[in-house]
Amino acid sequence: MILTRGNVTFDTESGAIRAARSEHVSPAPAIILEAMLKKNGIVSRALMLDLVWNNRPDGPEAGVVPVYISRLRNTLARIGADISIRTFHCRGYGIQDGAVDGRSRVGYGRPKSSREEPPSCPTPS
């Protein structure tokens, strides 16, 4: 299946991602990217864990989601994508139009001048 958003084309079968340049992504990030491109909205960390590792959100793999998101962000920057991945605190990640300059990737909904830490996420019951 070929998925497109902005100038990015992603082949879910081969893992090839193309914009100004092309690269291949490994299986786990490919599944995460596919979920974000298919869902025009926020994909929760729990859903990513379930799709990739068929695991619960508090399992040992929970810490690797941000690692794969970081790798995907770097890949999008390297290939010259005009889309980026935004973090939605306590909710998940989503694709947004517009490239990111690499300095501000987290969207907490507060002005950048705010120095306070974002509030803690509620723990699942």
PDB file of N, CA and C in Angstrom:
ATOM      1  N   MET A   1       0.844  -1.168   0.000  1.00  0.00           N
ATOM      2  CA  MET A   1       0.000   0.000   0.000  1.00  0.00           C
ATOM      3  C   MET A   1       0.898   1.242   0.000  1.00  0.00           C
ATOM      4  N   ILE A   2       0.531   2.218  -0.805  1.00  0.00           N
ATOM      5  CA  ILE A   2       1.259   3.482  -0.864  1.00  0.00           C
ATOM      6  C   ILE A   2       0.459   4.536  -0.115  1.00  0.00           C
ATOM      7  N   LEU A   3       1.087   5.182   0.865  1.00  0.00           N
ATOM      8  CA  LEU A   3       0.464   6.255   1.630  1.00  0.00           C
ATOM      9  C   LEU A   3       1.183   7.558   1.312  1.00  0.00           C
ATOM     10  N   THR A   4       0.433   8.636   1.180  1.00  0.00           N
ATOM     11  CA  THR A   4       1.028   9.924   0.836  1.00  0.00           C
ATOM     12  C   THR A   4       0.493  11.004   1.762  1.00  0.00           C
ATOM     13  N   ARG A   5       1.394  11.890   2.168  1.00  0.00           N
ATOM     14  CA  ARG A   5       1.022  13.090   2.927  1.00  0.00           C
ATOM     15  C   ARG A   5       2.071  14.134   2.610  1.00  0.00           C
ATOM     16  N   GLY A   6       1.645  15.303   2.181  1.00  0.00           N
ATOM     17  CA  GLY A   6       2.583  16.339   1.766  1.00  0.00           C
ATOM     18  C   GLY A   6       3.414  15.810   0.611  1.00  0.00           C
ATOM     19  N   ASN A   7       4.727  16.020   0.677  1.00  0.00           N
ATOM     20  CA  ASN A   7       5.609  15.515  -0.380  1.00  0.00           C
ATOM     21  C   ASN A   7       6.157  14.120  -0.071  1.00  0.00           C
ATOM     22  N   VAL A   8       5.625  13.480   0.974  1.00  0.00           N
ATOM     23  CA  VAL A   8       6.121  12.182   1.419  1.00  0.00           C
ATOM     24  C   VAL A   8       5.256  11.053   0.863  1.00  0.00           C
ATOM     25  N   THR A   9       5.930  10.057   0.306  1.00  0.00           N
ATOM     26  CA  THR A   9       5.282   8.835  -0.140  1.00  0.00           C
ATOM     27  C   THR A   9       5.915   7.684   0.624  1.00  0.00           C
ATOM     28  N   PHE A  10       5.068   6.853   1.217  1.00  0.00           N
ATOM     29  CA  PHE A  10       5.552   5.734   2.015  1.00  0.00           C
ATOM     30  C   PHE A  10       4.961   4.440   1.480  1.00  0.00           C
ATOM     31  N   ASP A  11       5.829   3.505   1.118  1.00  0.00           N
ATOM     32  CA  ASP A  11       5.414   2.190   0.646  1.00  0.00           C
ATOM     33  C   ASP A  11       5.435   1.238   1.837  1.00  0.00           C
ATOM     34  N   THR A  12       4.265   0.832   2.290  1.00  0.00           N
ATOM     35  CA  THR A  12       4.176  -0.008   3.486  1.00  0.00           C
ATOM     36  C   THR A  12       4.732  -1.407   3.260  1.00  0.00           C
ATOM     37  N   GLU A  13       4.754  -1.851   2.023  1.00  0.00           N
ATOM     38  CA  GLU A  13       5.274  -3.193   1.721  1.00  0.00           C
ATOM     39  C   GLU A  13       6.798  -3.249   1.840  1.00  0.00           C
ATOM     40  N   SER A  14       7.474  -2.262   1.262  1.00  0.00           N
ATOM     41  CA  SER A  14       8.940  -2.287   1.224  1.00  0.00           C
ATOM     42  C   SER A  14       9.598  -1.475   2.333  1.00  0.00           C
ATOM     43  N   GLY A  15       8.833  -0.569   2.957  1.00  0.00           N
ATOM     44  CA  GLY A  15       9.409   0.318   3.965  1.00  0.00           C
ATOM     45  C   GLY A  15      10.120   1.521   3.357  1.00  0.00           C
ATOM     46  N   ALA A  16       9.956   1.731   2.049  1.00  0.00           N
ATOM     47  CA  ALA A  16      10.602   2.871   1.377  1.00  0.00           C
ATOM     48  C   ALA A  16       9.809   4.139   1.647  1.00  0.00           C
ATOM     49  N   ILE A  17      10.521   5.182   2.043  1.00  0.00           N
ATOM     50  CA  ILE A  17       9.915   6.485   2.270  1.00  0.00           C
ATOM     51  C   ILE A  17      10.630   7.487   1.367  1.00  0.00           C
ATOM     52  N   ARG A  18       9.839   8.280   0.636  1.00  0.00           N
ATOM     53  CA  ARG A  18      10.414   9.195  -0.346  1.00  0.00           C
ATOM     54  C   ARG A  18       9.862  10.596  -0.184  1.00  0.00           C
ATOM     55  N   ALA A  19      10.730  11.558  -0.395  1.00  0.00           N
ATOM     56  CA  ALA A  19      10.367  12.968  -0.525  1.00  0.00           C
ATOM     57  C   ALA A  19      11.384  13.521  -1.525  1.00  0.00           C
ATOM     58  N   ALA A  20      12.243  14.455  -1.130  1.00  0.00           N
ATOM     59  CA  ALA A  20      13.314  14.914  -2.012  1.00  0.00           C
ATOM     60  C   ALA A  20      14.350  13.807  -2.211  1.00  0.00           C
ATOM     61  N   ARG A  21      14.540  12.972  -1.198  1.00  0.00           N
ATOM     62  CA  ARG A  21      15.422  11.802  -1.242  1.00  0.00           C
ATOM     63  C   ARG A  21      14.624  10.612  -0.733  1.00  0.00           C
ATOM     64  N   SER A  22      15.194   9.433  -0.804  1.00  0.00           N
ATOM     65  CA  SER A  22      14.471   8.268  -0.287  1.00  0.00           C
ATOM     66  C   SER A  22      15.354   7.449   0.634  1.00  0.00           C
ATOM     67  N   GLU A  23      14.713   6.738   1.545  1.00  0.00           N
ATOM     68  CA  GLU A  23      15.362   5.843   2.501  1.00  0.00           C
ATOM     69  C   GLU A  23      14.415   4.697   2.783  1.00  0.00           C
ATOM     70  N   HIS A  24      14.899   3.721   3.520  1.00  0.00           N
ATOM     71  CA  HIS A  24      14.067   2.626   3.997  1.00  0.00           C
ATOM     72  C   HIS A  24      14.029   2.704   5.513  1.00  0.00           C
ATOM     73  N   VAL A  25      12.882   2.377   6.086  1.00  0.00           N
ATOM     74  CA  VAL A  25      12.769   2.328   7.539  1.00  0.00           C
ATOM     75  C   VAL A  25      12.576   0.874   7.954  1.00  0.00           C
ATOM     76  N   SER A  26      13.065   0.546   9.140  1.00  0.00           N
ATOM     77  CA  SER A  26      12.955  -0.822   9.644  1.00  0.00           C
ATOM     78  C   SER A  26      11.499  -1.119  10.037  1.00  0.00           C
ATOM     79  N   PRO A  27      11.182  -2.385  10.283  1.00  0.00           N
ATOM     80  CA  PRO A  27       9.781  -2.770  10.490  1.00  0.00           C
ATOM     81  C   PRO A  27       9.031  -2.042  11.608  1.00  0.00           C
ATOM     82  N   ALA A  28       9.601  -1.912  12.792  1.00  0.00           N
ATOM     83  CA  ALA A  28       8.864  -1.279  13.897  1.00  0.00           C
ATOM     84  C   ALA A  28       8.535   0.186  13.591  1.00  0.00           C
ATOM     85  N   PRO A  29       9.515   1.022  13.187  1.00  0.00           N
ATOM     86  CA  PRO A  29       9.160   2.398  12.828  1.00  0.00           C
ATOM     87  C   PRO A  29       8.204   2.458  11.635  1.00  0.00           C
ATOM     88  N   ALA A  30       8.302   1.499  10.720  1.00  0.00           N
ATOM     89  CA  ALA A  30       7.406   1.477   9.562  1.00  0.00           C
ATOM     90  C   ALA A  30       5.955   1.288  10.008  1.00  0.00           C
ATOM     91  N   ILE A  31       5.722   0.416  10.977  1.00  0.00           N
ATOM     92  CA  ILE A  31       4.369   0.186  11.487  1.00  0.00           C
ATOM     93  C   ILE A  31       3.836   1.442  12.164  1.00  0.00           C
ATOM     94  N   ILE A  32       4.697   2.113  12.931  1.00  0.00           N
ATOM     95  CA  ILE A  32       4.295   3.344  13.615  1.00  0.00           C
ATOM     96  C   ILE A  32       3.977   4.437  12.591  1.00  0.00           C
ATOM     97  N   LEU A  33       4.843   4.605  11.591  1.00  0.00           N
ATOM     98  CA  LEU A  33       4.615   5.616  10.558  1.00  0.00           C
ATOM     99  C   LEU A  33       3.329   5.323   9.785  1.00  0.00           C
ATOM    100  N   GLU A  34       3.107   4.065   9.448  1.00  0.00           N
ATOM    101  CA  GLU A  34       1.885   3.689   8.733  1.00  0.00           C
ATOM    102  C   GLU A  34       0.645   4.066   9.546  1.00  0.00           C
ATOM    103  N   ALA A  35       0.661   3.782  10.845  1.00  0.00           N
ATOM    104  CA  ALA A  35      -0.485   4.115  11.697  1.00  0.00           C
ATOM    105  C   ALA A  35      -0.726   5.621  11.724  1.00  0.00           C
ATOM    106  N   MET A  36       0.355   6.410  11.802  1.00  0.00           N
ATOM    107  CA  MET A  36       0.190   7.861  11.848  1.00  0.00           C
ATOM    108  C   MET A  36      -0.287   8.423  10.513  1.00  0.00           C
ATOM    109  N   LEU A  37       0.181   7.855   9.406  1.00  0.00           N
ATOM    110  CA  LEU A  37      -0.253   8.333   8.099  1.00  0.00           C
ATOM    111  C   LEU A  37      -1.700   7.927   7.799  1.00  0.00           C
ATOM    112  N   LYS A  38      -2.103   6.747   8.249  1.00  0.00           N
ATOM    113  CA  LYS A  38      -3.478   6.293   8.008  1.00  0.00           C
ATOM    114  C   LYS A  38      -4.490   7.063   8.851  1.00  0.00           C
ATOM    115  N   LYS A  39      -4.099   7.336  10.097  1.00  0.00           N
ATOM    116  CA  LYS A  39      -5.014   8.032  10.998  1.00  0.00           C
ATOM    117  C   LYS A  39      -4.695   9.515  10.917  1.00  0.00           C
ATOM    118  N   ASN A  40      -5.620  10.267  10.450  1.00  0.00           N
ATOM    119  CA  ASN A  40      -5.400  11.708  10.344  1.00  0.00           C
ATOM    120  C   ASN A  40      -5.711  12.340  11.698  1.00  0.00           C
ATOM    121  N   GLY A  41      -4.890  12.034  12.665  1.00  0.00           N
ATOM    122  CA  GLY A  41      -5.096  12.511  14.019  1.00  0.00           C
ATOM    123  C   GLY A  41      -3.999  11.963  14.911  1.00  0.00           C
ATOM    124  N   ILE A  42      -4.301  11.879  16.186  1.00  0.00           N
ATOM    125  CA  ILE A  42      -3.314  11.441  17.170  1.00  0.00           C
ATOM    126  C   ILE A  42      -3.345   9.928  17.313  1.00  0.00           C
ATOM    127  N   VAL A  43      -2.156   9.324  17.298  1.00  0.00           N
ATOM    128  CA  VAL A  43      -2.015   7.890  17.543  1.00  0.00           C
ATOM    129  C   VAL A  43      -1.402   7.750  18.934  1.00  0.00           C
ATOM    130  N   SER A  44      -2.099   7.056  19.805  1.00  0.00           N
ATOM    131  CA  SER A  44      -1.631   6.936  21.182  1.00  0.00           C
ATOM    132  C   SER A  44      -0.424   6.009  21.276  1.00  0.00           C
ATOM    133  N   ARG A  45       0.346   6.234  22.298  1.00  0.00           N
ATOM    134  CA  ARG A  45       1.499   5.381  22.592  1.00  0.00           C
ATOM    135  C   ARG A  45       1.045   3.933  22.821  1.00  0.00           C
ATOM    136  N   ALA A  46      -0.097   3.776  23.504  1.00  0.00           N
ATOM    137  CA  ALA A  46      -0.626   2.438  23.774  1.00  0.00           C
ATOM    138  C   ALA A  46      -0.967   1.713  22.473  1.00  0.00           C
ATOM    139  N   LEU A  47      -1.550   2.417  21.509  1.00  0.00           N
ATOM    140  CA  LEU A  47      -1.872   1.789  20.228  1.00  0.00           C
ATOM    141  C   LEU A  47      -0.589   1.399  19.500  1.00  0.00           C
ATOM    142  N   MET A  48       0.416   2.272  19.537  1.00  0.00           N
ATOM    143  CA  MET A  48       1.698   1.948  18.889  1.00  0.00           C
ATOM    144  C   MET A  48       2.299   0.685  19.496  1.00  0.00           C
ATOM    145  N   LEU A  49       2.276   0.593  20.811  1.00  0.00           N
ATOM    146  CA  LEU A  49       2.809  -0.592  21.482  1.00  0.00           C
ATOM    147  C   LEU A  49       2.027  -1.833  21.092  1.00  0.00           C
ATOM    148  N   ASP A  50       0.733  -1.694  20.991  1.00  0.00           N
ATOM    149  CA  ASP A  50      -0.101  -2.837  20.621  1.00  0.00           C
ATOM    150  C   ASP A  50       0.153  -3.266  19.177  1.00  0.00           C
ATOM    151  N   LEU A  51       0.275  -2.300  18.270  1.00  0.00           N
ATOM    152  CA  LEU A  51       0.511  -2.620  16.866  1.00  0.00           C
ATOM    153  C   LEU A  51       1.867  -3.285  16.642  1.00  0.00           C
ATOM    154  N   VAL A  52       2.890  -2.768  17.298  1.00  0.00           N
ATOM    155  CA  VAL A  52       4.254  -3.242  17.053  1.00  0.00           C
ATOM    156  C   VAL A  52       4.603  -4.446  17.916  1.00  0.00           C
ATOM    157  N   TRP A  53       4.309  -4.376  19.203  1.00  0.00           N
ATOM    158  CA  TRP A  53       4.755  -5.417  20.127  1.00  0.00           C
ATOM    159  C   TRP A  53       3.626  -6.210  20.760  1.00  0.00           C
ATOM    160  N   ASN A  54       2.370  -5.890  20.397  1.00  0.00           N
ATOM    161  CA  ASN A  54       1.215  -6.577  20.966  1.00  0.00           C
ATOM    162  C   ASN A  54       1.326  -6.624  22.488  1.00  0.00           C
ATOM    163  N   ASN A  55       1.608  -5.453  23.047  1.00  0.00           N
ATOM    164  CA  ASN A  55       1.931  -5.368  24.461  1.00  0.00           C
ATOM    165  C   ASN A  55       1.092  -4.304  25.138  1.00  0.00           C
ATOM    166  N   ARG A  56       1.092  -4.347  26.444  1.00  0.00           N
ATOM    167  CA  ARG A  56       0.379  -3.335  27.224  1.00  0.00           C
ATOM    168  C   ARG A  56       1.258  -2.101  27.405  1.00  0.00           C
ATOM    169  N   PRO A  57       0.634  -0.927  27.652  1.00  0.00           N
ATOM    170  CA  PRO A  57       1.390   0.324  27.709  1.00  0.00           C
ATOM    171  C   PRO A  57       2.438   0.422  28.811  1.00  0.00           C
ATOM    172  N   ASP A  58       2.359  -0.407  29.841  1.00  0.00           N
ATOM    173  CA  ASP A  58       3.341  -0.329  30.925  1.00  0.00           C
ATOM    174  C   ASP A  58       4.371  -1.456  30.843  1.00  0.00           C
ATOM    175  N   GLY A  59       4.403  -2.174  29.727  1.00  0.00           N
ATOM    176  CA  GLY A  59       5.360  -3.264  29.537  1.00  0.00           C
ATOM    177  C   GLY A  59       6.768  -2.737  29.326  1.00  0.00           C
ATOM    178  N   PRO A  60       7.735  -3.633  29.218  1.00  0.00           N
ATOM    179  CA  PRO A  60       9.132  -3.225  29.090  1.00  0.00           C
ATOM    180  C   PRO A  60       9.432  -2.458  27.797  1.00  0.00           C
ATOM    181  N   GLU A  61       8.594  -2.605  26.768  1.00  0.00           N
ATOM    182  CA  GLU A  61       8.833  -1.920  25.505  1.00  0.00           C
ATOM    183  C   GLU A  61       8.339  -0.477  25.514  1.00  0.00           C
ATOM    184  N   ALA A  62       7.621  -0.070  26.557  1.00  0.00           N
ATOM    185  CA  ALA A  62       7.005   1.262  26.589  1.00  0.00           C
ATOM    186  C   ALA A  62       8.011   2.382  26.356  1.00  0.00           C
ATOM    187  N   GLY A  63       9.238   2.220  26.798  1.00  0.00           N
ATOM    188  CA  GLY A  63      10.242   3.262  26.647  1.00  0.00           C
ATOM    189  C   GLY A  63      10.820   3.407  25.256  1.00  0.00           C
ATOM    190  N   VAL A  64      10.545   2.461  24.364  1.00  0.00           N
ATOM    191  CA  VAL A  64      11.152   2.540  23.034  1.00  0.00           C
ATOM    192  C   VAL A  64      10.347   3.361  22.043  1.00  0.00           C
ATOM    193  N   VAL A  65       9.088   3.661  22.346  1.00  0.00           N
ATOM    194  CA  VAL A  65       8.289   4.463  21.414  1.00  0.00           C
ATOM    195  C   VAL A  65       8.959   5.809  21.132  1.00  0.00           C
ATOM    196  N   PRO A  66       9.392   6.576  22.148  1.00  0.00           N
ATOM    197  CA  PRO A  66      10.056   7.847  21.839  1.00  0.00           C
ATOM    198  C   PRO A  66      11.335   7.680  21.012  1.00  0.00           C
ATOM    199  N   VAL A  67      12.012   6.558  21.178  1.00  0.00           N
ATOM    200  CA  VAL A  67      13.221   6.298  20.393  1.00  0.00           C
ATOM    201  C   VAL A  67      12.858   6.167  18.914  1.00  0.00           C
ATOM    202  N   TYR A  68      11.819   5.378  18.626  1.00  0.00           N
ATOM    203  CA  TYR A  68      11.394   5.211  17.234  1.00  0.00           C
ATOM    204  C   TYR A  68      10.828   6.500  16.655  1.00  0.00           C
ATOM    205  N   ILE A  69      10.132   7.277  17.465  1.00  0.00           N
ATOM    206  CA  ILE A  69       9.619   8.572  17.000  1.00  0.00           C
ATOM    207  C   ILE A  69      10.793   9.483  16.638  1.00  0.00           C
ATOM    208  N   SER A  70      11.829   9.489  17.470  1.00  0.00           N
ATOM    209  CA  SER A  70      13.017  10.295  17.188  1.00  0.00           C
ATOM    210  C   SER A  70      13.668   9.867  15.878  1.00  0.00           C
ATOM    211  N   ARG A  71      13.781   8.565  15.674  1.00  0.00           N
ATOM    212  CA  ARG A  71      14.378   8.067  14.429  1.00  0.00           C
ATOM    213  C   ARG A  71      13.539   8.460  13.216  1.00  0.00           C
ATOM    214  N   LEU A  72      12.218   8.370  13.359  1.00  0.00           N
ATOM    215  CA  LEU A  72      11.351   8.774  12.255  1.00  0.00           C
ATOM    216  C   LEU A  72      11.474  10.270  11.969  1.00  0.00           C
ATOM    217  N   ARG A  73      11.562  11.077  13.022  1.00  0.00           N
ATOM    218  CA  ARG A  73      11.739  12.528  12.833  1.00  0.00           C
ATOM    219  C   ARG A  73      13.040  12.809  12.083  1.00  0.00           C
ATOM    220  N   ASN A  74      14.107  12.120  12.470  1.00  0.00           N
ATOM    221  CA  ASN A  74      15.391  12.312  11.800  1.00  0.00           C
ATOM    222  C   ASN A  74      15.322  11.872  10.340  1.00  0.00           C
ATOM    223  N   THR A  75      14.635  10.764  10.077  1.00  0.00           N
ATOM    224  CA  THR A  75      14.481  10.285   8.703  1.00  0.00           C
ATOM    225  C   THR A  75      13.710  11.304   7.872  1.00  0.00           C
ATOM    226  N   LEU A  76      12.614  11.830   8.416  1.00  0.00           N
ATOM    227  CA  LEU A  76      11.834  12.830   7.692  1.00  0.00           C
ATOM    228  C   LEU A  76      12.677  14.061   7.368  1.00  0.00           C
ATOM    229  N   ALA A  77      13.509  14.473   8.302  1.00  0.00           N
ATOM    230  CA  ALA A  77      14.385  15.624   8.052  1.00  0.00           C
ATOM    231  C   ALA A  77      15.414  15.313   6.971  1.00  0.00           C
ATOM    232  N   ARG A  78      16.015  14.115   7.031  1.00  0.00           N
ATOM    233  CA  ARG A  78      17.043  13.747   6.046  1.00  0.00           C
ATOM    234  C   ARG A  78      16.504  13.669   4.626  1.00  0.00           C
ATOM    235  N   ILE A  79      15.273  13.200   4.475  1.00  0.00           N
ATOM    236  CA  ILE A  79      14.743  13.040   3.120  1.00  0.00           C
ATOM    237  C   ILE A  79      14.090  14.317   2.593  1.00  0.00           C
ATOM    238  N   GLY A  80      14.072  15.373   3.385  1.00  0.00           N
ATOM    239  CA  GLY A  80      13.500  16.642   2.935  1.00  0.00           C
ATOM    240  C   GLY A  80      11.984  16.665   2.958  1.00  0.00           C
ATOM    241  N   ALA A  81      11.387  15.987   3.933  1.00  0.00           N
ATOM    242  CA  ALA A  81       9.929  15.930   4.042  1.00  0.00           C
ATOM    243  C   ALA A  81       9.348  17.287   4.432  1.00  0.00           C
ATOM    244  N   ASP A  82       8.150  17.557   3.934  1.00  0.00           N
ATOM    245  CA  ASP A  82       7.461  18.781   4.340  1.00  0.00           C
ATOM    246  C   ASP A  82       6.371  18.479   5.375  1.00  0.00           C
ATOM    247  N   ILE A  83       6.516  17.344   6.052  1.00  0.00           N
ATOM    248  CA  ILE A  83       5.667  17.001   7.188  1.00  0.00           C
ATOM    249  C   ILE A  83       6.575  16.693   8.369  1.00  0.00           C
ATOM    250  N   SER A  84       6.000  16.682   9.560  1.00  0.00           N
ATOM    251  CA  SER A  84       6.779  16.365  10.752  1.00  0.00           C
ATOM    252  C   SER A  84       5.890  15.628  11.742  1.00  0.00           C
ATOM    253  N   ILE A  85       6.507  15.119  12.788  1.00  0.00           N
ATOM    254  CA  ILE A  85       5.781  14.403  13.833  1.00  0.00           C
ATOM    255  C   ILE A  85       5.701  15.305  15.047  1.00  0.00           C
ATOM    256  N   ARG A  86       4.490  15.491  15.527  1.00  0.00           N
ATOM    257  CA  ARG A  86       4.261  16.335  16.693  1.00  0.00           C
ATOM    258  C   ARG A  86       3.920  15.466  17.891  1.00  0.00           C
ATOM    259  N   THR A  87       4.435  15.843  19.051  1.00  0.00           N
ATOM    260  CA  THR A  87       4.103  15.177  20.303  1.00  0.00           C
ATOM    261  C   THR A  87       2.915  15.888  20.932  1.00  0.00           C
ATOM    262  N   PHE A  88       1.912  15.116  21.315  1.00  0.00           N
ATOM    263  CA  PHE A  88       0.761  15.645  22.037  1.00  0.00           C
ATOM    264  C   PHE A  88       0.841  15.065  23.437  1.00  0.00           C
ATOM    265  N   HIS A  89       1.262  15.886  24.388  1.00  0.00           N
ATOM    266  CA  HIS A  89       1.541  15.439  25.744  1.00  0.00           C
ATOM    267  C   HIS A  89       0.378  14.630  26.311  1.00  0.00           C
ATOM    268  N   CYS A  90       0.689  13.461  26.825  1.00  0.00           N
ATOM    269  CA  CYS A  90      -0.247  12.517  27.458  1.00  0.00           C
ATOM    270  C   CYS A  90      -1.215  11.887  26.461  1.00  0.00           C
ATOM    271  N   ARG A  91      -1.133  12.240  25.192  1.00  0.00           N
ATOM    272  CA  ARG A  91      -2.096  11.703  24.231  1.00  0.00           C
ATOM    273  C   ARG A  91      -1.442  10.857  23.156  1.00  0.00           C
ATOM    274  N   GLY A  92      -0.264  11.225  22.693  1.00  0.00           N
ATOM    275  CA  GLY A  92       0.389  10.441  21.659  1.00  0.00           C
ATOM    276  C   GLY A  92       1.141  11.306  20.670  1.00  0.00           C
ATOM    277  N   TYR A  93       1.148  10.864  19.409  1.00  0.00           N
ATOM    278  CA  TYR A  93       1.899  11.526  18.354  1.00  0.00           C
ATOM    279  C   TYR A  93       1.033  11.625  17.112  1.00  0.00           C
ATOM    280  N   GLY A  94       1.330  12.613  16.300  1.00  0.00           N
ATOM    281  CA  GLY A  94       0.592  12.764  15.058  1.00  0.00           C
ATOM    282  C   GLY A  94       1.424  13.453  14.003  1.00  0.00           C
ATOM    283  N   ILE A  95       1.024  13.283  12.755  1.00  0.00           N
ATOM    284  CA  ILE A  95       1.689  13.931  11.627  1.00  0.00           C
ATOM    285  C   ILE A  95       1.103  15.325  11.469  1.00  0.00           C
ATOM    286  N   GLN A  96       1.969  16.290  11.263  1.00  0.00           N
ATOM    287  CA  GLN A  96       1.492  17.636  10.966  1.00  0.00           C
ATOM    288  C   GLN A  96       2.193  18.148   9.720  1.00  0.00           C
ATOM    289  N   ASP A  97       1.515  19.014   8.998  1.00  0.00           N
ATOM    290  CA  ASP A  97       2.109  19.621   7.819  1.00  0.00           C
ATOM    291  C   ASP A  97       3.159  20.628   8.250  1.00  0.00           C
ATOM    292  N   GLY A  98       4.218  20.703   7.478  1.00  0.00           N
ATOM    293  CA  GLY A  98       5.303  21.626   7.775  1.00  0.00           C
ATOM    294  C   GLY A  98       6.487  20.901   8.364  1.00  0.00           C
ATOM    295  N   ALA A  99       7.661  21.198   7.835  1.00  0.00           N
ATOM    296  CA  ALA A  99       8.894  20.614   8.350  1.00  0.00           C
ATOM    297  C   ALA A  99       9.246  21.283   9.671  1.00  0.00           C
ATOM    298  N   VAL A 100       9.976  20.568  10.504  1.00  0.00           N
ATOM    299  CA  VAL A 100      10.405  21.084  11.798  1.00  0.00           C
ATOM    300  C   VAL A 100      11.886  21.388  11.712  1.00  0.00           C
ATOM    301  N   ASP A 101      12.298  22.490  12.323  1.00  0.00           N
ATOM    302  CA  ASP A 101      13.699  22.901  12.240  1.00  0.00           C
ATOM    303  C   ASP A 101      14.619  22.128  13.168  1.00  0.00           C
ATOM    304  N   GLY A 102      14.084  21.231  13.978  1.00  0.00           N
ATOM    305  CA  GLY A 102      14.930  20.413  14.847  1.00  0.00           C
ATOM    306  C   GLY A 102      15.074  20.950  16.247  1.00  0.00           C
ATOM    307  N   ARG A 103      14.557  22.150  16.517  1.00  0.00           N
ATOM    308  CA  ARG A 103      14.722  22.729  17.841  1.00  0.00           C
ATOM    309  C   ARG A 103      13.481  22.609  18.704  1.00  0.00           C
ATOM    310  N   SER A 104      12.321  22.638  18.123  1.00  0.00           N
ATOM    311  CA  SER A 104      11.092  22.607  18.902  1.00  0.00           C
ATOM    312  C   SER A 104      10.156  21.573  18.322  1.00  0.00           C
ATOM    313  N   ARG A 105      10.076  20.414  18.953  1.00  0.00           N
ATOM    314  CA  ARG A 105       9.258  19.335  18.419  1.00  0.00           C
ATOM    315  C   ARG A 105       8.103  18.960  19.331  1.00  0.00           C
ATOM    316  N   VAL A 106       8.076  19.482  20.532  1.00  0.00           N
ATOM    317  CA  VAL A 106       7.066  19.045  21.480  1.00  0.00           C
ATOM    318  C   VAL A 106       5.986  20.102  21.602  1.00  0.00           C
ATOM    319  N   GLY A 107       4.738  19.715  21.430  1.00  0.00           N
ATOM    320  CA  GLY A 107       3.625  20.649  21.516  1.00  0.00           C
ATOM    321  C   GLY A 107       2.843  20.468  22.805  1.00  0.00           C
ATOM    322  N   TYR A 108       3.136  21.287  23.804  1.00  0.00           N
ATOM    323  CA  TYR A 108       2.412  21.196  25.064  1.00  0.00           C
ATOM    324  C   TYR A 108       1.265  22.187  25.118  1.00  0.00           C
ATOM    325  N   GLY A 109       1.114  23.009  24.085  1.00  0.00           N
ATOM    326  CA  GLY A 109       0.029  23.966  24.075  1.00  0.00           C
ATOM    327  C   GLY A 109       0.316  25.208  24.900  1.00  0.00           C
ATOM    328  N   ARG A 110       1.565  25.448  25.260  1.00  0.00           N
ATOM    329  CA  ARG A 110       1.943  26.652  26.008  1.00  0.00           C
ATOM    330  C   ARG A 110       2.987  27.411  25.218  1.00  0.00           C
ATOM    331  N   PRO A 111       3.112  28.709  25.478  1.00  0.00           N
ATOM    332  CA  PRO A 111       4.149  29.479  24.780  1.00  0.00           C
ATOM    333  C   PRO A 111       5.538  28.924  25.056  1.00  0.00           C
ATOM    334  N   LYS A 112       6.436  29.067  24.086  1.00  0.00           N
ATOM    335  CA  LYS A 112       7.803  28.567  24.245  1.00  0.00           C
ATOM    336  C   LYS A 112       8.532  29.243  25.397  1.00  0.00           C
ATOM    337  N   SER A 113       8.084  30.437  25.783  1.00  0.00           N
ATOM    338  CA  SER A 113       8.759  31.153  26.861  1.00  0.00           C
ATOM    339  C   SER A 113       8.494  30.523  28.232  1.00  0.00           C
ATOM    340  N   SER A 114       7.497  29.650  28.317  1.00  0.00           N
ATOM    341  CA  SER A 114       7.171  29.010  29.579  1.00  0.00           C
ATOM    342  C   SER A 114       8.288  28.051  29.969  1.00  0.00           C
ATOM    343  N   ARG A 115       8.803  28.184  31.168  1.00  0.00           N
ATOM    344  CA  ARG A 115       9.904  27.337  31.629  1.00  0.00           C
ATOM    345  C   ARG A 115       9.421  26.163  32.473  1.00  0.00           C
ATOM    346  N   GLU A 116       8.144  26.129  32.823  1.00  0.00           N
ATOM    347  CA  GLU A 116       7.669  25.059  33.684  1.00  0.00           C
ATOM    348  C   GLU A 116       7.552  23.749  32.927  1.00  0.00           C
ATOM    349  N   GLU A 117       7.645  22.662  33.658  1.00  0.00           N
ATOM    350  CA  GLU A 117       7.524  21.329  33.075  1.00  0.00           C
ATOM    351  C   GLU A 117       6.061  21.047  32.782  1.00  0.00           C
ATOM    352  N   PRO A 118       5.796  20.234  31.763  1.00  0.00           N
ATOM    353  CA  PRO A 118       4.415  19.873  31.502  1.00  0.00           C
ATOM    354  C   PRO A 118       3.851  19.036  32.646  1.00  0.00           C
ATOM    355  N   PRO A 119       2.543  19.066  32.843  1.00  0.00           N
ATOM    356  CA  PRO A 119       1.967  18.273  33.928  1.00  0.00           C
ATOM    357  C   PRO A 119       2.151  16.787  33.664  1.00  0.00           C
ATOM    358  N   SER A 120       2.134  16.016  34.733  1.00  0.00           N
ATOM    359  CA  SER A 120       2.276  14.563  34.603  1.00  0.00           C
ATOM    360  C   SER A 120       1.030  13.981  33.966  1.00  0.00           C
ATOM    361  N   CYS A 121       1.226  12.914  33.232  1.00  0.00           N
ATOM    362  CA  CYS A 121       0.099  12.217  32.626  1.00  0.00           C
ATOM    363  C   CYS A 121      -0.593  11.380  33.691  1.00  0.00           C
ATOM    364  N   PRO A 122      -1.907  11.247  33.587  1.00  0.00           N
ATOM    365  CA  PRO A 122      -2.581  10.376  34.550  1.00  0.00           C
ATOM    366  C   PRO A 122      -2.146   8.935  34.335  1.00  0.00           C
ATOM    367  N   THR A 123      -2.031   8.199  35.405  1.00  0.00           N
ATOM    368  CA  THR A 123      -1.627   6.794  35.293  1.00  0.00           C
ATOM    369  C   THR A 123      -2.844   5.961  34.938  1.00  0.00           C
ATOM    370  N   PRO A 124      -2.655   4.970  34.043  1.00  0.00           N
ATOM    371  CA  PRO A 124      -3.782   4.122  33.676  1.00  0.00           C
ATOM    372  C   PRO A 124      -4.249   3.269  34.857  1.00  0.00           C
ATOM    373  N   SER A 125      -5.556   3.073  34.919  1.00  0.00           N
ATOM    374  CA  SER A 125      -6.076   2.261  36.034  1.00  0.00           C
ATOM    375  C   SER A 125      -6.396   0.871  35.600  1.00  0.00           C
TER     376      SER A 125
END
